[in-house]
Protein backbone atom coordinates (compact mmCIF):
# COMPACT_ATOMS: atom_id res chain seq x y z
CA MET A 1 0.00 0.00 0.00
CA SER A 2 1.22 3.49 -0.90
CA PHE A 3 0.40 5.61 2.15
CA CYS A 4 -1.26 8.99 1.72
CA LEU A 5 -2.47 11.01 4.71
CA ARG A 6 -3.86 14.48 5.16
CA PHE A 7 -4.25 17.21 7.73
CA ALA A 8 -7.35 19.31 7.07
CA PRO A 9 -7.51 22.39 9.33
CA SER A 10 -10.13 25.11 9.11
CA PRO A 11 -8.53 28.59 8.98
CA THR A 12 -10.82 29.91 11.70
CA GLY A 13 -8.30 30.18 14.54
CA TYR A 14 -4.72 29.55 15.57
CA LEU A 15 -3.36 26.01 15.67
CA HIS A 16 -3.48 24.60 19.21
CA VAL A 17 -1.45 21.67 20.52
CA GLY A 18 -4.31 19.20 20.05
CA ASN A 19 -4.57 19.86 16.32
CA ALA A 20 -0.79 20.14 16.01
CA ARG A 21 -0.51 16.66 17.53
CA VAL A 22 -2.96 15.32 14.92
CA ALA A 23 -0.92 16.97 12.14
CA LEU A 24 2.34 15.56 13.53
CA ILE A 25 1.04 12.00 13.86
CA ASN A 26 -0.40 12.10 10.34
CA TRP A 27 2.96 13.32 9.05
CA LEU A 28 4.92 10.72 11.02
CA LEU A 29 2.80 7.79 9.82
CA ALA A 30 3.01 8.99 6.21
CA LYS A 31 6.78 9.51 6.23
CA LYS A 32 7.45 6.37 8.29
CA ASN A 33 5.94 4.45 5.37
CA HIS A 34 7.53 6.59 2.63
CA GLY A 35 4.13 8.07 1.80
CA LYS A 36 2.66 11.48 1.08
CA PHE A 37 1.35 14.14 3.45
CA ILE A 38 -1.29 16.53 2.10
CA LEU A 39 -2.25 19.85 3.69
CA ARG A 40 -5.93 20.31 2.85
CA ILE A 41 -7.48 23.61 3.84
CA ASP A 42 -11.12 23.30 4.88
CA ASP A 43 -12.18 26.80 3.85
CA THR A 44 -15.69 26.23 2.49
CA ASP A 45 -17.09 28.39 5.30
CA VAL A 46 -16.19 31.71 3.71
CA LYS A 47 -17.60 33.84 6.53
CA ARG A 48 -15.45 32.28 9.25
CA SER A 49 -12.31 31.51 7.24
CA ASP A 50 -9.54 34.08 7.58
CA LYS A 51 -6.32 34.36 5.56
CA LYS A 52 -4.38 35.43 8.64
CA TYR A 53 -5.20 32.11 10.32
CA LEU A 54 -4.28 30.19 7.17
CA LYS A 55 -0.90 31.93 7.10
CA ALA A 56 -0.41 31.24 10.83
CA ILE A 57 -1.26 27.54 10.42
CA GLU A 58 1.22 27.16 7.56
CA GLU A 59 3.91 28.99 9.55
CA ASP A 60 3.33 26.77 12.60
CA LEU A 61 3.49 23.54 10.58
CA SER A 62 6.67 24.69 8.82
CA TRP A 63 8.19 25.65 12.19
CA MET A 64 7.46 22.11 13.42
CA GLY A 65 9.21 20.71 10.33
CA LEU A 66 6.01 19.22 8.88
CA ASN A 67 6.51 19.95 5.21
CA TRP A 68 3.64 18.91 2.97
CA ASP A 69 3.88 17.23 -0.44
CA LYS A 70 0.77 18.96 -1.75
CA LYS A 71 -1.64 21.69 -0.67
CA GLU A 72 -5.33 21.72 -1.56
CA TYR A 73 -8.12 24.22 -0.91
CA GLN A 74 -11.67 22.96 -0.56
CA SER A 75 -12.94 26.35 -1.73
CA SER A 76 -11.49 25.61 -5.19
CA ARG A 77 -13.32 22.29 -5.50
CA THR A 78 -16.91 23.59 -5.67
CA GLU A 79 -17.65 22.05 -9.08
CA ILE A 80 -16.55 18.63 -7.85
CA TYR A 81 -18.88 18.82 -4.85
CA GLN A 82 -21.77 19.87 -7.08
CA LYS A 83 -21.23 16.85 -9.32
CA VAL A 84 -21.40 14.61 -6.27
CA PHE A 85 -24.53 16.45 -5.15
CA SER A 86 -26.20 15.70 -8.48
CA GLN A 87 -25.05 12.08 -8.33
CA LEU A 88 -26.45 11.52 -4.83
CA LYS A 89 -29.66 13.39 -5.59
CA GLU A 90 -30.29 11.33 -8.71
CA SER A 91 -29.67 8.07 -6.83
CA LYS A 92 -31.94 9.29 -4.01
CA LYS A 93 -29.16 8.95 -1.43
CA ILE A 94 -29.89 12.47 -0.20
CA TYR A 95 -33.22 14.20 0.42
CA PRO A 96 -34.38 17.82 0.81
CA CYS A 97 -35.46 19.26 4.16
CA TYR A 98 -37.19 22.56 4.84
CA GLU A 99 -37.12 23.05 8.62
CA THR A 100 -35.66 26.22 10.05
CA LYS A 101 -33.02 26.15 12.79
CA GLU A 102 -35.68 27.18 15.28
CA GLU A 103 -37.99 24.33 14.26
CA LEU A 104 -35.19 21.80 14.56
CA ALA A 105 -34.30 23.17 18.01
CA LEU A 106 -37.92 22.75 19.15
CA LYS A 107 -37.99 19.15 17.90
CA ARG A 108 -34.79 18.42 19.76
CA LYS A 109 -36.13 19.99 22.97
CA SER A 110 -39.36 18.00 22.70
CA GLN A 111 -37.50 14.70 22.20
CA LEU A 112 -35.24 15.32 25.18
CA SER A 113 -38.19 16.25 27.40
CA ARG A 114 -39.77 12.88 26.57
CA GLY A 115 -36.57 11.00 27.30
CA LEU A 116 -35.95 10.28 23.62
CA PRO A 117 -32.60 10.59 21.83
CA PRO A 118 -32.40 13.82 19.78
CA ILE A 119 -32.38 12.10 16.39
CA TYR A 120 -33.83 13.68 13.26
CA ASP A 121 -37.30 12.19 12.69
CA ARG A 122 -37.12 12.19 8.87
CA SER A 123 -40.33 14.20 8.70
CA ALA A 124 -39.09 15.73 5.44
CA LEU A 125 -39.50 12.35 3.76
CA LYS A 126 -43.24 12.55 4.43
CA LEU A 127 -43.69 15.86 2.63
CA THR A 128 -45.91 15.71 -0.43
CA ALA A 129 -44.85 17.19 -3.74
CA GLN A 130 -47.40 19.95 -3.18
CA LYS A 131 -45.94 20.92 0.21
CA LYS A 132 -42.45 21.03 -1.27
CA GLU A 133 -43.74 23.22 -4.08
CA ASN A 134 -45.35 25.54 -1.56
CA PHE A 135 -42.06 25.90 0.30
CA GLU A 136 -40.32 26.72 -2.97
CA LYS A 137 -42.94 29.36 -3.84
CA GLN A 138 -42.35 30.95 -0.45
CA GLY A 139 -38.66 31.20 -1.30
CA VAL A 140 -37.63 28.49 1.17
CA LYS A 141 -34.65 26.62 -0.23
CA PRO A 142 -34.01 23.14 1.16
CA TYR A 143 -30.94 21.86 2.88
CA TRP A 144 -30.02 18.21 2.19
CA ARG A 145 -29.51 15.18 4.41
CA PHE A 146 -27.83 11.88 3.57
CA TYR A 147 -30.13 8.90 4.13
CA LEU A 148 -28.49 6.39 6.46
CA LYS A 149 -29.54 2.79 5.94
CA SER A 150 -30.86 0.89 8.96
CA LYS A 151 -27.83 -1.26 9.56
CA ASN A 152 -24.78 -1.58 11.73
CA ILE A 153 -21.57 0.16 10.76
CA ASP A 154 -18.34 -1.26 12.14
CA TRP A 155 -14.64 -0.83 11.52
CA ASN A 156 -11.32 -1.66 13.10
CA ASP A 157 -9.86 1.54 14.49
CA LEU A 158 -6.07 1.77 14.94
CA VAL A 159 -6.49 3.10 18.49
CA HIS A 160 -9.95 2.02 19.67
CA GLY A 161 -10.01 -1.41 18.05
CA ASN A 162 -13.37 -2.70 16.80
CA LEU A 163 -16.04 0.01 16.80
CA LYS A 164 -19.71 -0.59 15.98
CA PHE A 165 -22.58 1.83 15.45
CA SER A 166 -26.24 1.24 14.72
CA ASN A 167 -27.50 3.79 12.21
CA ILE A 168 -30.87 3.92 13.94
CA SER A 169 -29.10 5.77 16.76
CA LEU A 170 -27.75 8.44 14.40
CA SER A 171 -29.41 11.36 12.67
CA ASP A 172 -29.20 11.48 8.91
CA PRO A 173 -26.30 13.94 8.54
CA VAL A 174 -26.77 17.28 6.83
CA VAL A 175 -24.45 17.24 3.83
CA PHE A 176 -25.42 20.34 1.82
CA ARG A 177 -26.65 23.68 3.09
CA SER A 178 -29.54 25.51 1.45
CA ASP A 179 -27.04 27.70 -0.44
CA GLY A 180 -25.42 24.60 -1.92
CA VAL A 181 -22.27 24.73 0.21
CA PRO A 182 -21.15 21.23 1.24
CA LEU A 183 -20.61 20.47 4.91
CA PHE A 184 -17.56 18.74 6.33
CA THR A 185 -19.30 15.35 6.43
CA ILE A 186 -19.57 15.13 2.63
CA SER A 187 -16.72 17.36 1.41
CA SER A 188 -14.07 15.47 3.35
CA VAL A 189 -15.28 12.14 1.95
CA VAL A 190 -15.21 13.48 -1.62
CA ASP A 191 -11.71 14.85 -1.07
CA ASP A 192 -10.45 11.66 0.56
CA VAL A 193 -11.67 9.70 -2.46
CA ASP A 194 -10.16 12.08 -5.03
CA MET A 195 -6.84 12.35 -3.20
CA ASN A 196 -6.48 8.62 -2.59
CA ILE A 197 -6.24 9.03 1.19
CA THR A 198 -5.33 5.70 2.78
CA HIS A 199 -5.53 6.61 6.48
CA ILE A 200 -7.61 9.16 8.38
CA ILE A 201 -6.10 10.19 11.73
CA ARG A 202 -8.13 12.66 13.77
CA GLY A 203 -9.64 13.25 17.21
CA ASP A 204 -12.10 10.79 18.69
CA ASP A 205 -14.77 13.51 18.68
CA HIS A 206 -15.14 12.46 15.01
CA ILE A 207 -16.04 8.82 15.71
CA THR A 208 -19.76 9.41 15.10
CA ASN A 209 -18.91 11.33 11.92
CA SER A 210 -16.84 8.39 10.76
CA ALA A 211 -19.79 6.02 11.16
CA ALA A 212 -21.88 8.17 8.82
CA GLN A 213 -19.00 8.82 6.44
CA ILE A 214 -18.28 5.12 6.00
CA GLU A 215 -21.77 4.78 4.54
CA ILE A 216 -21.17 7.82 2.30
CA PHE A 217 -18.02 6.14 0.97
CA SER A 218 -20.18 3.13 0.19
CA ALA A 219 -22.78 5.31 -1.57
CA LEU A 220 -19.98 6.58 -3.82
CA ASP A 221 -18.87 2.97 -4.46
CA LYS A 222 -15.55 3.57 -2.71
CA LYS A 223 -13.73 1.69 0.01
CA PRO A 224 -13.21 3.82 3.15
CA PRO A 225 -9.68 4.56 4.37
CA ILE A 226 -8.27 3.07 7.57
CA PHE A 227 -9.44 5.12 10.56
CA CYS A 228 -7.48 6.15 13.64
CA HIS A 229 -9.22 8.23 16.30
CA LEU A 230 -6.92 9.78 18.87
CA PRO A 231 -8.32 10.73 22.30
CA LEU A 232 -8.57 14.50 22.61
CA VAL A 233 -5.76 16.34 24.36
CA GLN A 234 -6.68 18.15 27.56
CA ASP A 235 -4.84 20.92 29.36
CA ALA A 236 -3.13 20.28 32.69
CA SER A 237 -6.40 20.88 34.57
CA GLY A 238 -8.32 18.35 32.48
CA GLU A 239 -10.18 20.90 30.36
CA GLY A 240 -10.52 20.58 26.59
CA LEU A 241 -8.63 22.80 24.16
CA SER A 242 -10.15 25.36 21.81
CA LYS A 243 -8.40 27.19 19.00
CA ARG A 244 -10.93 30.02 19.19
CA ILE A 245 -9.75 31.18 22.60
CA GLY A 246 -6.06 30.65 21.78
CA SER A 247 -5.79 27.79 24.26
CA LEU A 248 -2.20 26.55 24.23
CA SER A 249 -1.64 27.67 20.66
CA ILE A 250 1.55 26.78 18.83
CA ARG A 251 1.91 30.48 18.11
CA ASP A 252 2.11 31.27 21.84
CA ILE A 253 4.48 28.38 22.50
CA ARG A 254 6.81 29.60 19.75
CA GLU A 255 6.86 33.06 21.32
CA LYS A 256 8.00 31.53 24.62
CA GLY A 257 11.26 30.47 22.94
CA ILE A 258 10.57 26.73 23.00
CA ASP A 259 12.37 24.67 20.36
CA PRO A 260 10.11 22.98 17.77
CA MET A 261 11.65 19.58 18.48
CA ALA A 262 10.72 19.92 22.16
CA VAL A 263 7.10 20.38 21.07
CA ASN A 264 7.37 17.48 18.62
CA SER A 265 8.98 15.26 21.26
CA VAL A 266 6.09 15.86 23.65
CA LEU A 267 3.24 15.63 21.14
CA ALA A 268 4.53 12.52 19.37
CA ARG A 269 4.47 10.52 22.61
CA LEU A 270 1.59 12.20 24.41
CA GLY A 271 -1.00 9.52 25.11
CA SER A 272 1.29 6.66 24.15
CA SER A 273 2.94 3.97 26.26
CA ASP A 274 6.37 5.51 25.61
CA PRO A 275 7.98 7.89 28.12
CA ILE A 276 8.38 11.43 26.85
CA ARG A 277 12.01 12.29 26.16
CA PRO A 278 13.77 14.86 23.98
CA PHE A 279 14.53 14.12 20.33
CA CYS A 280 16.93 16.61 18.77
CA ASP A 281 16.08 15.71 15.18
CA ILE A 282 12.75 14.89 13.55
CA GLN A 283 14.34 12.00 11.66
CA ASP A 284 15.18 10.31 14.97
CA LEU A 285 11.58 10.85 16.11
CA LEU A 286 10.35 9.40 12.83
CA GLU A 287 12.40 6.22 13.20
CA ASP A 288 11.09 5.72 16.75
CA PHE A 289 7.41 6.32 15.89
CA ASP A 290 4.82 3.54 16.25
CA ILE A 291 1.08 4.25 15.83
CA GLY A 292 0.27 1.09 17.77
CA ARG A 293 1.50 2.55 21.06
CA PHE A 294 -1.34 5.04 21.60
CA SER A 295 -3.97 4.39 24.27
CA LYS A 296 -7.70 5.18 24.48
CA SER A 297 -7.28 7.60 27.40
CA SER A 298 -7.25 11.38 26.98
CA PRO A 299 -3.74 12.71 27.63
CA LYS A 300 -2.96 15.97 29.38
CA PHE A 301 -0.60 18.48 27.84
CA SER A 302 1.63 20.25 30.34
CA LEU A 303 3.46 23.40 29.35
CA SER A 304 5.83 22.95 32.30
CA GLU A 305 6.74 19.47 31.06
CA THR A 306 7.37 20.93 27.60
CA PHE A 307 9.74 23.47 29.15
CA ARG A 308 11.50 20.61 30.97
CA ILE A 309 11.90 18.65 27.73
CA ASN A 310 13.08 21.83 26.02
CA THR A 311 15.78 22.31 28.66
CA GLN A 312 16.96 18.71 28.30
CA LEU A 313 16.99 19.02 24.53
CA LEU A 314 19.01 22.25 24.44
CA GLN A 315 21.55 20.86 26.88
CA LYS A 316 22.11 17.89 24.56
CA LEU A 317 22.88 20.06 21.54
CA SER A 318 26.40 20.52 20.23
CA PHE A 319 27.62 23.97 19.24
CA GLN A 320 27.07 23.13 15.56
CA GLU A 321 23.46 22.10 16.27
CA ILE A 322 22.68 25.24 18.27
CA VAL A 323 24.07 27.41 15.46
CA LYS A 324 21.60 25.77 13.04
CA ARG A 325 18.76 26.72 15.37
CA THR A 326 19.80 30.27 16.18
CA GLY A 327 21.42 31.46 12.98
CA LYS A 328 24.18 34.03 13.28
CA LEU A 329 23.77 35.30 16.82
CA LYS A 330 26.47 37.79 17.73
CA ASN A 331 29.36 36.42 19.85
CA LEU A 332 27.98 32.88 19.73
CA ASN A 333 31.01 30.60 19.85
CA ALA A 334 31.78 27.08 21.05
CA ASN A 335 33.39 28.19 24.32
CA PHE A 336 30.50 30.49 25.23
CA TRP A 337 27.97 27.71 24.48
CA ASP A 338 29.83 25.19 26.64
CA VAL A 339 29.81 27.68 29.52
CA ILE A 340 26.09 28.51 29.43
CA LYS A 341 24.38 25.41 27.98
CA GLU A 342 23.63 23.77 31.36
CA ASN A 343 21.67 26.86 32.39
CA ILE A 344 19.59 27.36 29.27
CA GLU A 345 15.83 26.67 29.33
CA THR A 346 14.90 28.38 26.07
CA ILE A 347 16.67 29.85 23.05
CA ASP A 348 15.87 33.31 24.41
CA ASP A 349 18.06 32.57 27.44
CA ILE A 350 21.09 32.56 25.13
CA LYS A 351 20.45 36.22 24.38
CA GLU A 352 20.27 37.01 28.10
CA TRP A 353 23.65 35.43 28.74
CA GLN A 354 25.12 37.11 25.66
CA LYS A 355 24.13 40.38 27.26
CA VAL A 356 25.79 39.35 30.54
CA CYS A 357 29.01 38.21 28.88
CA PHE A 358 29.42 40.62 25.98
CA GLY A 359 26.94 43.42 26.53
CA SER A 360 25.96 45.83 29.25
CA ILE A 361 23.94 45.14 32.41
CA ASN A 362 22.92 47.01 35.54
CA PRO A 363 24.73 45.23 38.38
CA ILE A 364 22.77 44.42 41.51
CA ILE A 365 24.69 45.75 44.50
CA GLU A 366 23.79 44.17 47.85
CA ASP A 367 26.96 44.91 49.85
CA ALA A 368 28.88 47.81 48.34
CA GLU A 369 31.64 47.85 50.99
CA PHE A 370 32.31 44.13 50.54
CA LEU A 371 32.43 44.49 46.75
CA THR A 372 34.84 47.42 46.98
CA ASP A 373 37.17 45.33 49.12
CA VAL A 374 37.06 42.21 46.92
CA GLU A 375 37.60 44.22 43.72
CA LYS A 376 41.04 45.11 45.04
CA LEU A 377 41.80 41.40 45.45
CA LEU A 378 41.16 40.51 41.79
CA PRO A 379 44.18 38.94 40.07
CA GLU A 380 45.88 41.41 37.74
CA GLU A 381 46.59 38.98 34.90
CA LYS A 382 44.16 38.06 32.12
CA PHE A 383 41.29 35.93 33.40
CA ASP A 384 41.42 32.17 32.85
CA GLN A 385 39.99 29.01 34.45
CA ASN A 386 42.22 29.50 37.50
CA THR A 387 41.21 33.11 38.19
CA TRP A 388 38.12 32.28 40.24
CA GLY A 389 39.98 29.90 42.56
CA LYS A 390 42.78 32.39 43.21
CA TRP A 391 40.34 35.23 43.83
CA ILE A 392 38.07 33.26 46.17
CA GLY A 393 41.10 32.06 48.13
CA LYS A 394 42.16 35.64 48.77
CA ILE A 395 38.61 36.75 49.66
CA LYS A 396 38.16 33.97 52.22
CA ALA A 397 41.50 34.75 53.80
CA GLU A 398 40.78 38.48 54.04
CA THR A 399 37.08 38.45 55.02
CA ASN A 400 36.39 35.07 56.65
CA ARG A 401 33.19 34.95 54.60
CA LYS A 402 31.89 31.71 53.17
CA GLY A 403 28.79 30.20 51.57
CA GLU A 404 26.00 32.39 50.24
CA SER A 405 27.19 35.53 52.03
CA LEU A 406 30.36 35.30 49.96
CA PHE A 407 29.09 34.06 46.59
CA MET A 408 25.71 35.79 46.19
CA PRO A 409 26.90 39.42 46.30
CA LEU A 410 29.52 38.53 43.69
CA ARG A 411 27.06 36.71 41.41
CA LEU A 412 24.45 39.50 41.58
CA ALA A 413 27.00 42.20 40.84
CA ILE A 414 28.77 40.35 38.02
CA THR A 415 25.76 38.76 36.28
CA GLY A 416 22.61 40.41 37.60
CA PHE A 417 21.14 36.97 38.32
CA LYS A 418 20.86 34.78 41.43
CA HIS A 419 21.45 31.66 39.38
CA GLY A 420 23.46 30.74 36.33
CA PRO A 421 26.67 29.15 35.06
CA GLU A 422 29.63 28.71 37.40
CA LEU A 423 31.45 31.98 37.95
CA LYS A 424 34.65 30.01 37.48
CA LYS A 425 33.64 29.51 33.84
CA LEU A 426 32.00 32.90 33.37
CA LEU A 427 34.87 35.15 34.47
CA PRO A 428 37.18 34.37 31.51
CA VAL A 429 34.30 35.00 29.09
CA ILE A 430 33.17 38.27 30.70
CA GLY A 431 36.70 39.60 31.13
CA ARG A 432 38.45 41.67 33.78
CA GLU A 433 37.31 45.11 32.63
CA LYS A 434 33.58 44.34 32.87
CA VAL A 435 33.96 42.52 36.19
CA VAL A 436 35.79 45.48 37.76
CA SER A 437 33.20 47.93 36.43
CA ARG A 438 30.28 45.89 37.78
CA LEU A 439 31.86 45.40 41.20
CA LYS A 440 32.00 49.20 41.39
CA GLY A 441 28.28 49.34 40.64
CA LEU A 442 28.75 50.77 37.17
CA LYS A 443 26.66 49.73 34.18
CA GLY A 444 28.75 47.67 31.83
């Protein structure tokens, strides 16, 4: 089998980690099997679709390294959908309905009040030709439902195993609006057929949709793809995610300075039996990937865990690898990276330590008299790895200070931070001139 998978986002909001996980797993399964990955933009809803969100989605996927082999827009496939509409109408697989939204809501409310499932009652099928004509004369255009046969639908899901639905428990799905625009239920099936999609990986909130869509595939005389429904990702508190409120969006995560491979490392194993660990390269992640390891339970995405993985990942990187990620940052050299790497949580931290080592900072002075005294004890020669030991030896002998009362005033004055790389390693990088200036409380 030649694998072909797709990710089909709607450009109605920013990409959140739940949808990004679906995109990543689709990409991984496709590339693991030397197949194709299609980016298919579900933009048939013109009112809600926005080009800024489309651009943001493409930027986020590219940032994650998920390059697509082909890009399709549903909005450019209107003629194809209309041909399918005519085909299904002629074969009586779809039927016209004339209820308003308000009427449907009342039916639903009535069914629930009587303890009945809120399933469409197919009342439109009982309309006479005269009643339909009257609706048309009144300017009421019908929307269209697909007629589900009274039978069981079952399939073997890659995550949930054998799934079975009885169509009598499902409403006939609406497939075309009154203005002729196809809904997701039908357009995605038509696209999956035309694009030779072999596997559909999406959230398990689509399981009911899949039951109906399997019958639509059959109505088009096509074999359905293999389905895989992933449990929906929750935030750390157990709440669901929503792209419309910017909940844990990839855009926000990028702005926090997190490396894309830290995000990929977390999302690729979230909800699987594998422990989450950092992968520095997407090819390594690809080789390790196994779709069979995912469970039926909803996983929780933790931003703090992603930061932890990001820290571990950055600390594993060689100087050559960090250069690839940062480009040509000023003063970034192998020695500087070796000094700071154990104290880096995000890429942005590199810039902070560049400022400390090569730029200008406002020193934090906690004990001016002590700093004035110890500045006089600094070795005169050029700083090296032995400078710190010599200097501290003199300070201890002269002041009898030790522990935090000795080290913290020095660290705050020299770096402006309470924590960071060893001062033994930092001093040679910062240099004598800056250290002297900062001990005197001068900006520099």
